[in-house]
Protein backbone atom coordinates (compact mmCIF):
# COMPACT_ATOMS: atom_id res chain seq x y z
CA UNK A 1 0.00 0.00 0.00
CA UNK A 2 1.14 3.53 -0.72
CA UNK A 3 3.48 2.51 -3.53
CA UNK A 4 3.37 4.43 -6.78
CA UNK A 5 2.64 2.67 -10.04
CA UNK A 6 5.71 2.28 -12.23
CA UNK A 7 4.22 4.69 -14.75
CA UNK A 8 3.34 7.32 -12.13
CA UNK A 9 4.85 10.71 -12.93
CA UNK A 10 6.82 11.74 -9.86
CA UNK A 11 8.80 14.66 -11.21
CA UNK A 12 7.95 17.63 -13.40
CA UNK A 13 9.86 20.77 -14.32
CA UNK A 14 9.81 23.37 -17.09
CA UNK A 15 11.17 22.89 -20.58
CA UNK A 16 14.27 25.08 -20.78
CA UNK A 17 14.76 28.14 -22.97
CA UNK A 18 17.43 26.27 -24.93
CA UNK A 19 15.10 23.41 -25.80
CA UNK A 20 12.28 25.77 -26.71
CA UNK A 21 14.69 27.58 -29.05
CA UNK A 22 14.98 24.43 -31.17
CA UNK A 23 11.19 24.17 -31.31
CA UNK A 24 10.69 21.66 -28.52
CA UNK A 25 7.26 22.57 -27.11
CA UNK A 26 7.01 24.36 -23.78
CA UNK A 27 5.31 21.44 -22.04
CA UNK A 28 6.26 20.33 -18.57
CA UNK A 29 9.11 17.81 -18.62
CA UNK A 30 8.15 14.66 -16.74
CA UNK A 31 9.84 11.50 -15.54
CA UNK A 32 8.20 8.37 -14.17
CA UNK A 33 9.14 6.21 -11.23
CA UNK A 34 10.24 3.25 -13.36
CA UNK A 35 12.52 5.45 -15.49
CA UNK A 36 14.16 6.91 -12.38
CA UNK A 37 14.72 3.42 -11.03
CA UNK A 38 16.27 2.33 -14.34
CA UNK A 39 18.59 5.34 -14.36
CA UNK A 40 19.70 4.74 -10.78
CA UNK A 41 19.93 0.97 -10.56
CA UNK A 42 23.17 -0.96 -10.98
CA UNK A 43 23.64 -2.29 -14.50
CA UNK A 44 22.42 -5.87 -14.70
CA UNK A 45 21.18 -8.26 -17.38
CA UNK A 46 17.49 -9.15 -17.21
CA UNK A 47 15.87 -11.51 -19.71
CA UNK A 48 18.90 -11.18 -21.94
CA UNK A 49 18.84 -7.37 -21.94
CA UNK A 50 20.98 -4.88 -20.08
CA UNK A 51 19.04 -2.94 -17.43
CA UNK A 52 20.06 -0.16 -15.10
CA UNK A 53 22.45 2.72 -15.75
CA UNK A 54 24.04 3.15 -12.31
CA UNK A 55 23.73 6.96 -12.24
CA UNK A 56 24.04 8.24 -8.68
CA UNK A 57 21.40 10.36 -6.96
CA UNK A 58 23.50 13.54 -6.95
CA UNK A 59 23.84 13.31 -10.74
CA UNK A 60 20.17 12.47 -11.28
CA UNK A 61 19.29 15.67 -9.43
CA UNK A 62 21.24 17.59 -12.08
CA UNK A 63 19.07 16.43 -15.00
CA UNK A 64 17.17 19.76 -15.19
CA UNK A 65 20.55 21.53 -15.40
CA UNK A 66 21.61 19.22 -18.24
CA UNK A 67 18.48 20.25 -20.14
CA UNK A 68 18.87 23.95 -19.29
CA UNK A 69 22.48 24.29 -20.46
CA UNK A 70 23.49 21.28 -22.57
CA UNK A 71 26.65 20.76 -24.58
CA UNK A 72 24.72 19.74 -27.68
CA UNK A 73 21.21 18.61 -28.58
CA UNK A 74 20.40 16.18 -31.39
CA UNK A 75 17.37 14.87 -33.19
CA UNK A 76 17.05 11.19 -32.37
CA UNK A 77 18.16 9.11 -35.35
CA UNK A 78 16.14 6.11 -34.19
CA UNK A 79 13.02 7.57 -32.55
CA UNK A 80 11.06 10.28 -34.41
CA UNK A 81 9.74 12.91 -32.03
CA UNK A 82 12.59 12.28 -29.58
CA UNK A 83 15.77 14.16 -28.75
CA UNK A 84 19.20 13.40 -27.32
CA UNK A 85 20.57 15.96 -24.86
CA UNK A 86 24.32 15.75 -24.26
CA UNK A 87 25.64 16.91 -20.89
CA UNK A 88 29.16 17.86 -19.82
CA UNK A 89 28.93 15.44 -16.88
CA UNK A 90 30.37 11.94 -16.88
CA UNK A 91 29.31 8.82 -15.02
CA UNK A 92 31.58 6.81 -12.70
CA UNK A 93 33.09 5.11 -15.75
CA UNK A 94 33.96 8.47 -17.36
CA UNK A 95 31.25 8.09 -20.00
CA UNK A 96 29.48 11.25 -21.17
CA UNK A 97 25.94 11.35 -19.77
CA UNK A 98 23.11 11.91 -22.22
CA UNK A 99 19.39 12.30 -21.63
CA UNK A 100 16.75 10.91 -24.01
CA UNK A 101 13.45 12.79 -24.20
CA UNK A 102 10.29 12.32 -26.25
CA UNK A 103 7.89 15.21 -26.80
CA UNK A 104 4.14 15.69 -26.75
CA UNK A 105 3.28 12.55 -24.81
CA UNK A 106 -0.17 12.17 -23.27
CA UNK A 107 -0.22 12.00 -19.47
CA UNK A 108 -3.85 11.82 -18.47
CA UNK A 109 -5.35 15.08 -19.66
CA UNK A 110 -1.96 16.79 -19.94
CA UNK A 111 0.63 16.77 -22.75
CA UNK A 112 4.21 16.50 -21.49
CA UNK A 113 7.77 16.08 -22.71
CA UNK A 114 8.84 12.77 -21.23
CA UNK A 115 12.35 11.74 -20.15
CA UNK A 116 12.77 8.13 -21.24
CA UNK A 117 16.34 7.53 -20.08
CA UNK A 118 19.64 9.01 -18.93
CA UNK A 119 22.93 7.15 -19.06
CA UNK A 120 26.62 7.32 -19.81
CA UNK A 121 27.26 6.79 -23.54
CA UNK A 122 30.06 4.25 -23.80
CA UNK A 123 31.12 5.29 -27.31
CA UNK A 124 31.99 9.00 -27.57
CA UNK A 125 32.14 8.75 -31.36
CA UNK A 126 28.33 8.47 -31.27
CA UNK A 127 28.07 12.24 -30.81
CA UNK A 128 30.45 13.02 -33.67
CA UNK A 129 28.55 10.61 -35.90
CA UNK A 130 25.28 12.40 -35.10
CA UNK A 131 26.84 15.69 -36.23
CA UNK A 132 27.95 14.08 -39.50
CA UNK A 133 24.44 12.69 -40.02
CA UNK A 134 22.99 16.20 -39.73
CA UNK A 135 21.13 15.57 -36.47
CA UNK A 136 22.73 18.40 -34.48
CA UNK A 137 20.19 21.08 -33.53
CA UNK A 138 21.94 23.06 -30.80
CA UNK A 139 25.54 23.66 -29.79
CA UNK A 140 27.19 25.38 -26.86
CA UNK A 141 30.40 26.13 -28.76
CA UNK A 142 32.63 26.60 -25.71
CA UNK A 143 31.44 23.43 -23.99
CA UNK A 144 31.59 21.35 -27.16
CA UNK A 145 35.15 22.48 -27.92
CA UNK A 146 36.20 21.65 -24.35
CA UNK A 147 34.59 18.23 -24.70
CA UNK A 148 36.23 17.40 -28.02
CA UNK A 149 39.64 18.58 -26.80
CA UNK A 150 39.33 16.42 -23.71
CA UNK A 151 38.08 13.40 -25.65
CA UNK A 152 40.47 13.68 -28.58
CA UNK A 153 37.93 14.47 -31.30
CA UNK A 154 37.67 17.24 -33.87
CA UNK A 155 34.45 19.10 -34.59
CA UNK A 156 33.62 19.86 -38.23
CA UNK A 157 35.23 23.25 -39.09
CA UNK A 158 31.86 24.97 -39.52
CA UNK A 159 31.12 24.31 -35.84
CA UNK A 160 34.42 25.57 -34.44
CA UNK A 161 34.40 29.10 -35.84
CA UNK A 162 31.28 31.03 -36.76
CA UNK A 163 28.90 28.12 -36.23
CA UNK A 164 26.49 26.56 -38.69
CA UNK A 165 23.47 28.30 -40.18
CA UNK A 166 21.41 25.20 -39.41
CA UNK A 167 22.49 24.87 -35.78
CA UNK A 168 21.29 27.12 -32.95
CA UNK A 169 24.17 28.44 -30.84
CA UNK A 170 23.98 29.43 -27.20
CA UNK A 171 24.83 33.00 -28.25
CA UNK A 172 21.64 33.08 -30.34
CA UNK A 173 19.46 32.62 -27.28
CA UNK A 174 18.52 35.34 -24.81
CA UNK A 175 18.45 34.45 -21.12
CA UNK A 176 19.48 30.82 -21.53
CA UNK A 177 20.24 30.63 -17.82
CA UNK A 178 16.98 32.06 -16.53
CA UNK A 179 15.83 28.74 -15.13
CA UNK A 180 16.94 27.92 -11.62
CA UNK A 181 15.90 24.82 -9.78
CA UNK A 182 15.61 23.73 -6.19
CA UNK A 183 15.37 20.07 -5.38
CA UNK A 184 13.84 17.86 -2.78
CA UNK A 185 14.85 14.22 -2.49
CA UNK A 186 13.31 11.56 -0.30
CA UNK A 187 13.44 7.79 -0.12
CA UNK A 188 10.33 5.97 1.08
CA UNK A 189 9.50 2.26 1.16
CA UNK A 190 12.46 1.46 -1.15
CA UNK A 191 10.92 3.62 -3.90
CA UNK A 192 12.88 6.50 -5.37
CA UNK A 193 11.11 9.84 -5.27
CA UNK A 194 12.60 12.94 -6.81
CA UNK A 195 10.80 16.23 -7.03
CA UNK A 196 12.29 18.99 -9.16
CA UNK A 197 10.77 22.29 -8.12
CA UNK A 198 10.86 25.39 -10.30
C-alpha atoms as a PDB file:
ATOM      1  CA  UNK A   1       0.000   0.000   0.000  1.00  0.00           C
ATOM      2  CA  UNK A   2       1.143   3.529  -0.719  1.00  0.00           C
ATOM      3  CA  UNK A   3       3.483   2.506  -3.527  1.00  0.00           C
ATOM      4  CA  UNK A   4       3.371   4.430  -6.777  1.00  0.00           C
ATOM      5  CA  UNK A   5       2.637   2.672 -10.036  1.00  0.00           C
ATOM      6  CA  UNK A   6       5.714   2.284 -12.226  1.00  0.00           C
ATOM      7  CA  UNK A   7       4.220   4.692 -14.752  1.00  0.00           C
ATOM      8  CA  UNK A   8       3.345   7.319 -12.131  1.00  0.00           C
ATOM      9  CA  UNK A   9       4.853  10.713 -12.935  1.00  0.00           C
ATOM     10  CA  UNK A  10       6.819  11.743  -9.860  1.00  0.00           C
ATOM     11  CA  UNK A  11       8.801  14.656 -11.214  1.00  0.00           C
ATOM     12  CA  UNK A  12       7.950  17.626 -13.399  1.00  0.00           C
ATOM     13  CA  UNK A  13       9.859  20.766 -14.317  1.00  0.00           C
ATOM     14  CA  UNK A  14       9.810  23.366 -17.085  1.00  0.00           C
ATOM     15  CA  UNK A  15      11.167  22.885 -20.582  1.00  0.00           C
ATOM     16  CA  UNK A  16      14.273  25.080 -20.784  1.00  0.00           C
ATOM     17  CA  UNK A  17      14.759  28.137 -22.966  1.00  0.00           C
ATOM     18  CA  UNK A  18      17.433  26.271 -24.930  1.00  0.00           C
ATOM     19  CA  UNK A  19      15.104  23.414 -25.796  1.00  0.00           C
ATOM     20  CA  UNK A  20      12.285  25.772 -26.707  1.00  0.00           C
ATOM     21  CA  UNK A  21      14.691  27.585 -29.048  1.00  0.00           C
ATOM     22  CA  UNK A  22      14.982  24.425 -31.168  1.00  0.00           C
ATOM     23  CA  UNK A  23      11.187  24.173 -31.307  1.00  0.00           C
ATOM     24  CA  UNK A  24      10.692  21.663 -28.520  1.00  0.00           C
ATOM     25  CA  UNK A  25       7.259  22.574 -27.114  1.00  0.00           C
ATOM     26  CA  UNK A  26       7.012  24.360 -23.785  1.00  0.00           C
ATOM     27  CA  UNK A  27       5.307  21.444 -22.042  1.00  0.00           C
ATOM     28  CA  UNK A  28       6.260  20.327 -18.572  1.00  0.00           C
ATOM     29  CA  UNK A  29       9.115  17.812 -18.622  1.00  0.00           C
ATOM     30  CA  UNK A  30       8.153  14.664 -16.745  1.00  0.00           C
ATOM     31  CA  UNK A  31       9.837  11.497 -15.545  1.00  0.00           C
ATOM     32  CA  UNK A  32       8.199   8.373 -14.173  1.00  0.00           C
ATOM     33  CA  UNK A  33       9.140   6.212 -11.234  1.00  0.00           C
ATOM     34  CA  UNK A  34      10.241   3.253 -13.363  1.00  0.00           C
ATOM     35  CA  UNK A  35      12.519   5.450 -15.486  1.00  0.00           C
ATOM     36  CA  UNK A  36      14.159   6.906 -12.377  1.00  0.00           C
ATOM     37  CA  UNK A  37      14.718   3.418 -11.032  1.00  0.00           C
ATOM     38  CA  UNK A  38      16.266   2.331 -14.336  1.00  0.00           C
ATOM     39  CA  UNK A  39      18.588   5.339 -14.364  1.00  0.00           C
ATOM     40  CA  UNK A  40      19.702   4.745 -10.779  1.00  0.00           C
ATOM     41  CA  UNK A  41      19.935   0.966 -10.558  1.00  0.00           C
ATOM     42  CA  UNK A  42      23.167  -0.959 -10.984  1.00  0.00           C
ATOM     43  CA  UNK A  43      23.644  -2.291 -14.499  1.00  0.00           C
ATOM     44  CA  UNK A  44      22.421  -5.865 -14.703  1.00  0.00           C
ATOM     45  CA  UNK A  45      21.182  -8.260 -17.382  1.00  0.00           C
ATOM     46  CA  UNK A  46      17.490  -9.145 -17.206  1.00  0.00           C
ATOM     47  CA  UNK A  47      15.873 -11.511 -19.708  1.00  0.00           C
ATOM     48  CA  UNK A  48      18.899 -11.180 -21.942  1.00  0.00           C
ATOM     49  CA  UNK A  49      18.841  -7.372 -21.939  1.00  0.00           C
ATOM     50  CA  UNK A  50      20.983  -4.875 -20.076  1.00  0.00           C
ATOM     51  CA  UNK A  51      19.038  -2.942 -17.433  1.00  0.00           C
ATOM     52  CA  UNK A  52      20.058  -0.155 -15.096  1.00  0.00           C
ATOM     53  CA  UNK A  53      22.454   2.716 -15.749  1.00  0.00           C
ATOM     54  CA  UNK A  54      24.041   3.152 -12.306  1.00  0.00           C
ATOM     55  CA  UNK A  55      23.728   6.955 -12.241  1.00  0.00           C
ATOM     56  CA  UNK A  56      24.044   8.242  -8.683  1.00  0.00           C
ATOM     57  CA  UNK A  57      21.405  10.357  -6.964  1.00  0.00           C
ATOM     58  CA  UNK A  58      23.501  13.539  -6.955  1.00  0.00           C
ATOM     59  CA  UNK A  59      23.845  13.308 -10.744  1.00  0.00           C
ATOM     60  CA  UNK A  60      20.171  12.474 -11.280  1.00  0.00           C
ATOM     61  CA  UNK A  61      19.287  15.666  -9.434  1.00  0.00           C
ATOM     62  CA  UNK A  62      21.236  17.592 -12.081  1.00  0.00           C
ATOM     63  CA  UNK A  63      19.073  16.432 -14.997  1.00  0.00           C
ATOM     64  CA  UNK A  64      17.168  19.759 -15.193  1.00  0.00           C
ATOM     65  CA  UNK A  65      20.553  21.527 -15.398  1.00  0.00           C
ATOM     66  CA  UNK A  66      21.612  19.223 -18.243  1.00  0.00           C
ATOM     67  CA  UNK A  67      18.479  20.254 -20.139  1.00  0.00           C
ATOM     68  CA  UNK A  68      18.866  23.947 -19.292  1.00  0.00           C
ATOM     69  CA  UNK A  69      22.476  24.294 -20.458  1.00  0.00           C
ATOM     70  CA  UNK A  70      23.485  21.277 -22.570  1.00  0.00           C
ATOM     71  CA  UNK A  71      26.653  20.757 -24.577  1.00  0.00           C
ATOM     72  CA  UNK A  72      24.724  19.742 -27.684  1.00  0.00           C
ATOM     73  CA  UNK A  73      21.214  18.605 -28.582  1.00  0.00           C
ATOM     74  CA  UNK A  74      20.398  16.180 -31.388  1.00  0.00           C
ATOM     75  CA  UNK A  75      17.369  14.871 -33.191  1.00  0.00           C
ATOM     76  CA  UNK A  76      17.053  11.190 -32.370  1.00  0.00           C
ATOM     77  CA  UNK A  77      18.158   9.112 -35.350  1.00  0.00           C
ATOM     78  CA  UNK A  78      16.138   6.112 -34.192  1.00  0.00           C
ATOM     79  CA  UNK A  79      13.019   7.566 -32.553  1.00  0.00           C
ATOM     80  CA  UNK A  80      11.058  10.281 -34.413  1.00  0.00           C
ATOM     81  CA  UNK A  81       9.745  12.910 -32.027  1.00  0.00           C
ATOM     82  CA  UNK A  82      12.589  12.280 -29.585  1.00  0.00           C
ATOM     83  CA  UNK A  83      15.775  14.155 -28.752  1.00  0.00           C
ATOM     84  CA  UNK A  84      19.203  13.396 -27.315  1.00  0.00           C
ATOM     85  CA  UNK A  85      20.572  15.965 -24.861  1.00  0.00           C
ATOM     86  CA  UNK A  86      24.318  15.750 -24.255  1.00  0.00           C
ATOM     87  CA  UNK A  87      25.642  16.909 -20.892  1.00  0.00           C
ATOM     88  CA  UNK A  88      29.160  17.862 -19.816  1.00  0.00           C
ATOM     89  CA  UNK A  89      28.931  15.440 -16.881  1.00  0.00           C
ATOM     90  CA  UNK A  90      30.372  11.936 -16.883  1.00  0.00           C
ATOM     91  CA  UNK A  91      29.313   8.821 -15.018  1.00  0.00           C
ATOM     92  CA  UNK A  92      31.579   6.811 -12.702  1.00  0.00           C
ATOM     93  CA  UNK A  93      33.094   5.112 -15.753  1.00  0.00           C
ATOM     94  CA  UNK A  94      33.956   8.471 -17.359  1.00  0.00           C
ATOM     95  CA  UNK A  95      31.247   8.091 -19.997  1.00  0.00           C
ATOM     96  CA  UNK A  96      29.476  11.248 -21.172  1.00  0.00           C
ATOM     97  CA  UNK A  97      25.943  11.347 -19.766  1.00  0.00           C
ATOM     98  CA  UNK A  98      23.109  11.915 -22.218  1.00  0.00           C
ATOM     99  CA  UNK A  99      19.385  12.302 -21.632  1.00  0.00           C
ATOM    100  CA  UNK A 100      16.748  10.911 -24.007  1.00  0.00           C
ATOM    101  CA  UNK A 101      13.450  12.789 -24.203  1.00  0.00           C
ATOM    102  CA  UNK A 102      10.293  12.322 -26.249  1.00  0.00           C
ATOM    103  CA  UNK A 103       7.895  15.210 -26.799  1.00  0.00           C
ATOM    104  CA  UNK A 104       4.135  15.687 -26.747  1.00  0.00           C
ATOM    105  CA  UNK A 105       3.283  12.546 -24.806  1.00  0.00           C
ATOM    106  CA  UNK A 106      -0.165  12.171 -23.267  1.00  0.00           C
ATOM    107  CA  UNK A 107      -0.217  11.995 -19.474  1.00  0.00           C
ATOM    108  CA  UNK A 108      -3.851  11.820 -18.474  1.00  0.00           C
ATOM    109  CA  UNK A 109      -5.354  15.083 -19.659  1.00  0.00           C
ATOM    110  CA  UNK A 110      -1.956  16.794 -19.944  1.00  0.00           C
ATOM    111  CA  UNK A 111       0.628  16.772 -22.748  1.00  0.00           C
ATOM    112  CA  UNK A 112       4.213  16.497 -21.486  1.00  0.00           C
ATOM    113  CA  UNK A 113       7.773  16.079 -22.711  1.00  0.00           C
ATOM    114  CA  UNK A 114       8.845  12.769 -21.232  1.00  0.00           C
ATOM    115  CA  UNK A 115      12.347  11.742 -20.148  1.00  0.00           C
ATOM    116  CA  UNK A 116      12.769   8.125 -21.242  1.00  0.00           C
ATOM    117  CA  UNK A 117      16.336   7.528 -20.079  1.00  0.00           C
ATOM    118  CA  UNK A 118      19.641   9.007 -18.934  1.00  0.00           C
ATOM    119  CA  UNK A 119      22.934   7.146 -19.062  1.00  0.00           C
ATOM    120  CA  UNK A 120      26.624   7.323 -19.811  1.00  0.00           C
ATOM    121  CA  UNK A 121      27.261   6.792 -23.538  1.00  0.00           C
ATOM    122  CA  UNK A 122      30.061   4.251 -23.801  1.00  0.00           C
ATOM    123  CA  UNK A 123      31.124   5.289 -27.309  1.00  0.00           C
ATOM    124  CA  UNK A 124      31.992   9.002 -27.571  1.00  0.00           C
ATOM    125  CA  UNK A 125      32.140   8.754 -31.359  1.00  0.00           C
ATOM    126  CA  UNK A 126      28.330   8.473 -31.274  1.00  0.00           C
ATOM    127  CA  UNK A 127      28.066  12.242 -30.809  1.00  0.00           C
ATOM    128  CA  UNK A 128      30.455  13.018 -33.668  1.00  0.00           C
ATOM    129  CA  UNK A 129      28.553  10.615 -35.904  1.00  0.00           C
ATOM    130  CA  UNK A 130      25.283  12.396 -35.100  1.00  0.00           C
ATOM    131  CA  UNK A 131      26.841  15.689 -36.232  1.00  0.00           C
ATOM    132  CA  UNK A 132      27.951  14.081 -39.497  1.00  0.00           C
ATOM    133  CA  UNK A 133      24.440  12.695 -40.021  1.00  0.00           C
ATOM    134  CA  UNK A 134      22.992  16.204 -39.726  1.00  0.00           C
ATOM    135  CA  UNK A 135      21.127  15.569 -36.472  1.00  0.00           C
ATOM    136  CA  UNK A 136      22.734  18.402 -34.478  1.00  0.00           C
ATOM    137  CA  UNK A 137      20.191  21.079 -33.532  1.00  0.00           C
ATOM    138  CA  UNK A 138      21.943  23.061 -30.799  1.00  0.00           C
ATOM    139  CA  UNK A 139      25.541  23.661 -29.795  1.00  0.00           C
ATOM    140  CA  UNK A 140      27.191  25.377 -26.862  1.00  0.00           C
ATOM    141  CA  UNK A 141      30.401  26.126 -28.760  1.00  0.00           C
ATOM    142  CA  UNK A 142      32.628  26.597 -25.710  1.00  0.00           C
ATOM    143  CA  UNK A 143      31.441  23.429 -23.991  1.00  0.00           C
ATOM    144  CA  UNK A 144      31.592  21.355 -27.165  1.00  0.00           C
ATOM    145  CA  UNK A 145      35.152  22.480 -27.916  1.00  0.00           C
ATOM    146  CA  UNK A 146      36.203  21.653 -24.351  1.00  0.00           C
ATOM    147  CA  UNK A 147      34.590  18.227 -24.696  1.00  0.00           C
ATOM    148  CA  UNK A 148      36.232  17.402 -28.020  1.00  0.00           C
ATOM    149  CA  UNK A 149      39.636  18.582 -26.803  1.00  0.00           C
ATOM    150  CA  UNK A 150      39.333  16.424 -23.706  1.00  0.00           C
ATOM    151  CA  UNK A 151      38.076  13.396 -25.654  1.00  0.00           C
ATOM    152  CA  UNK A 152      40.475  13.682 -28.581  1.00  0.00           C
ATOM    153  CA  UNK A 153      37.927  14.467 -31.303  1.00  0.00           C
ATOM    154  CA  UNK A 154      37.669  17.244 -33.873  1.00  0.00           C
ATOM    155  CA  UNK A 155      34.454  19.095 -34.593  1.00  0.00           C
ATOM    156  CA  UNK A 156      33.622  19.861 -38.225  1.00  0.00           C
ATOM    157  CA  UNK A 157      35.226  23.251 -39.089  1.00  0.00           C
ATOM    158  CA  UNK A 158      31.862  24.968 -39.519  1.00  0.00           C
ATOM    159  CA  UNK A 159      31.116  24.314 -35.840  1.00  0.00           C
ATOM    160  CA  UNK A 160      34.421  25.571 -34.439  1.00  0.00           C
ATOM    161  CA  UNK A 161      34.400  29.099 -35.843  1.00  0.00           C
ATOM    162  CA  UNK A 162      31.277  31.028 -36.757  1.00  0.00           C
ATOM    163  CA  UNK A 163      28.901  28.120 -36.232  1.00  0.00           C
ATOM    164  CA  UNK A 164      26.485  26.559 -38.691  1.00  0.00           C
ATOM    165  CA  UNK A 165      23.474  28.297 -40.178  1.00  0.00           C
ATOM    166  CA  UNK A 166      21.411  25.201 -39.414  1.00  0.00           C
ATOM    167  CA  UNK A 167      22.487  24.874 -35.776  1.00  0.00           C
ATOM    168  CA  UNK A 168      21.285  27.118 -32.954  1.00  0.00           C
ATOM    169  CA  UNK A 169      24.172  28.440 -30.839  1.00  0.00           C
ATOM    170  CA  UNK A 170      23.984  29.433 -27.198  1.00  0.00           C
ATOM    171  CA  UNK A 171      24.829  33.000 -28.247  1.00  0.00           C
ATOM    172  CA  UNK A 172      21.635  33.075 -30.340  1.00  0.00           C
ATOM    173  CA  UNK A 173      19.463  32.615 -27.276  1.00  0.00           C
ATOM    174  CA  UNK A 174      18.524  35.340 -24.813  1.00  0.00           C
ATOM    175  CA  UNK A 175      18.447  34.449 -21.119  1.00  0.00           C
ATOM    176  CA  UNK A 176      19.476  30.822 -21.529  1.00  0.00           C
ATOM    177  CA  UNK A 177      20.238  30.635 -17.824  1.00  0.00           C
ATOM    178  CA  UNK A 178      16.976  32.064 -16.533  1.00  0.00           C
ATOM    179  CA  UNK A 179      15.829  28.737 -15.128  1.00  0.00           C
ATOM    180  CA  UNK A 180      16.943  27.919 -11.616  1.00  0.00           C
ATOM    181  CA  UNK A 181      15.897  24.818  -9.779  1.00  0.00           C
ATOM    182  CA  UNK A 182      15.607  23.731  -6.191  1.00  0.00           C
ATOM    183  CA  UNK A 183      15.367  20.070  -5.383  1.00  0.00           C
ATOM    184  CA  UNK A 184      13.836  17.863  -2.782  1.00  0.00           C
ATOM    185  CA  UNK A 185      14.855  14.216  -2.493  1.00  0.00           C
ATOM    186  CA  UNK A 186      13.307  11.557  -0.295  1.00  0.00           C
ATOM    187  CA  UNK A 187      13.443   7.788  -0.120  1.00  0.00           C
ATOM    188  CA  UNK A 188      10.329   5.974   1.081  1.00  0.00           C
ATOM    189  CA  UNK A 189       9.497   2.258   1.156  1.00  0.00           C
ATOM    190  CA  UNK A 190      12.455   1.465  -1.152  1.00  0.00           C
ATOM    191  CA  UNK A 191      10.919   3.621  -3.898  1.00  0.00           C
ATOM    192  CA  UNK A 192      12.879   6.500  -5.372  1.00  0.00           C
ATOM    193  CA  UNK A 193      11.105   9.839  -5.266  1.00  0.00           C
ATOM    194  CA  UNK A 194      12.598  12.936  -6.813  1.00  0.00           C
ATOM    195  CA  UNK A 195      10.799  16.231  -7.035  1.00  0.00           C
ATOM    196  CA  UNK A 196      12.292  18.986  -9.161  1.00  0.00           C
ATOM    197  CA  UNK A 197      10.772  22.293  -8.119  1.00  0.00           C
ATOM    198  CA  UNK A 198      10.857  25.393 -10.300  1.00  0.00           C
END
